[in-house]
Each structure stands twice: as C-alpha cells, then as structure tokens.
Amino acid sequence: MPEDPVTGTAHVQLVPFWAARLQRKTLVCRQASPRGGTLWCEWRGDRVRMAGNAMLYAKGEIHLHRDVA
C-alpha cells in the first residue's frame, strides 16, 4: 500500500516546533511527498488540532458480547 498522503502523527510534533518559532498558533502545513496533502493546524498548548481532506478506505464493526448470568 502506498504511504499516507499526509502523516498526522508527524505533524503533531512539527506544529508545536514551527508554531513556537514562527510565533503563530495556526499553520497551514503542506506535506511535500509524491502524493502530498495539506493540513490546517492549530497549536493549543498540549494539543494540536488538525483539519484536512480525508478519504474512507476501510469500514468495520465491533460486536461486544456481554454474558448474562
């Protein structure tokens, strides 16, 4: 399977790094890989909020069985 167009876990580390250095809370991030992609990010102290386009590639269901005594 080809790599993800945008790696969210990498941006969780990159956003605080660049936001602090650029003295900004919001950033538009572009992943410059062959498949590429754009994220709109906001640094919220101990959290990074991200938005972008997504595509559903899998769907599943989980069924939990609860024993009744």
Protein backbone atom coordinates (compact mmCIF):
# COMPACT_ATOMS: atom_id res chain seq x y z
CA MET A 1 0.00 0.00 0.00
CA PRO A 2 1.40 3.46 -0.84
CA GLU A 3 2.33 5.79 2.02
CA ASP A 4 -0.25 8.11 3.54
CA PRO A 5 -0.58 11.38 1.60
CA VAL A 6 -0.26 13.30 4.90
CA THR A 7 1.19 11.90 8.11
CA GLY A 8 -0.81 13.32 11.02
CA THR A 9 1.45 11.82 13.67
CA ALA A 10 4.45 13.66 12.21
CA HIS A 11 2.56 16.96 12.24
CA VAL A 12 1.72 16.54 15.93
CA GLN A 13 5.46 17.03 16.52
CA LEU A 14 6.10 19.57 13.75
CA VAL A 15 3.29 22.01 14.56
CA PRO A 16 4.47 22.95 18.10
CA PHE A 17 8.06 23.21 16.83
CA TRP A 18 7.22 25.63 14.00
CA ALA A 19 4.39 27.44 15.78
CA ALA A 20 6.76 28.42 18.62
CA ARG A 21 9.49 29.56 16.25
CA LEU A 22 7.11 31.49 13.99
CA GLN A 23 5.15 32.84 17.00
CA ARG A 24 1.86 31.66 15.50
CA LYS A 25 -0.94 29.45 16.81
CA THR A 26 -2.28 28.44 13.39
CA LEU A 27 -0.38 26.98 10.45
CA VAL A 28 -1.20 25.65 7.01
CA CYS A 29 1.04 22.62 6.51
CA ARG A 30 1.88 21.02 3.18
CA GLN A 31 3.44 17.58 3.11
CA ALA A 32 5.79 17.63 0.14
CA SER A 33 5.75 13.94 -0.76
CA PRO A 34 4.79 12.47 -4.14
CA ARG A 35 1.17 12.01 -3.02
CA GLY A 36 1.26 15.18 -0.88
CA GLY A 37 -1.50 16.85 1.06
CA THR A 38 -2.47 19.89 3.10
CA LEU A 39 -3.41 20.20 6.78
CA TRP A 40 -4.85 23.21 8.57
CA CYS A 41 -3.39 23.07 12.09
CA GLU A 42 -3.85 24.92 15.37
CA TRP A 43 -1.48 24.61 18.32
CA ARG A 44 -3.44 24.53 21.58
CA GLY A 45 -0.68 24.11 24.17
CA ASP A 46 -0.76 20.40 24.93
CA ARG A 47 -2.86 19.58 21.85
CA VAL A 48 -2.67 20.04 18.08
CA ARG A 49 -5.95 20.42 16.22
CA MET A 50 -5.86 19.34 12.57
CA ALA A 51 -8.25 19.55 9.66
CA GLY A 52 -7.95 18.46 6.06
CA ASN A 53 -9.49 16.32 3.38
CA ALA A 54 -9.87 12.62 4.02
CA MET A 55 -10.97 9.55 2.14
CA LEU A 56 -12.61 6.49 3.68
CA TYR A 57 -10.59 3.41 2.78
CA ALA A 58 -11.88 0.90 5.33
CA LYS A 59 -15.00 0.33 7.37
CA GLY A 60 -15.63 -2.15 10.13
CA GLU A 61 -17.86 -3.10 13.01
CA ILE A 62 -17.08 -4.35 16.51
CA HIS A 63 -19.60 -6.53 18.30
CA LEU A 64 -19.17 -6.99 22.03
CA HIS A 65 -20.80 -9.97 23.68
CA ARG A 66 -21.89 -9.47 27.24
CA ASP A 67 -22.51 -12.62 29.29
CA VAL A 68 -25.86 -12.53 31.07
CA ALA A 69 -25.91 -14.52 34.29
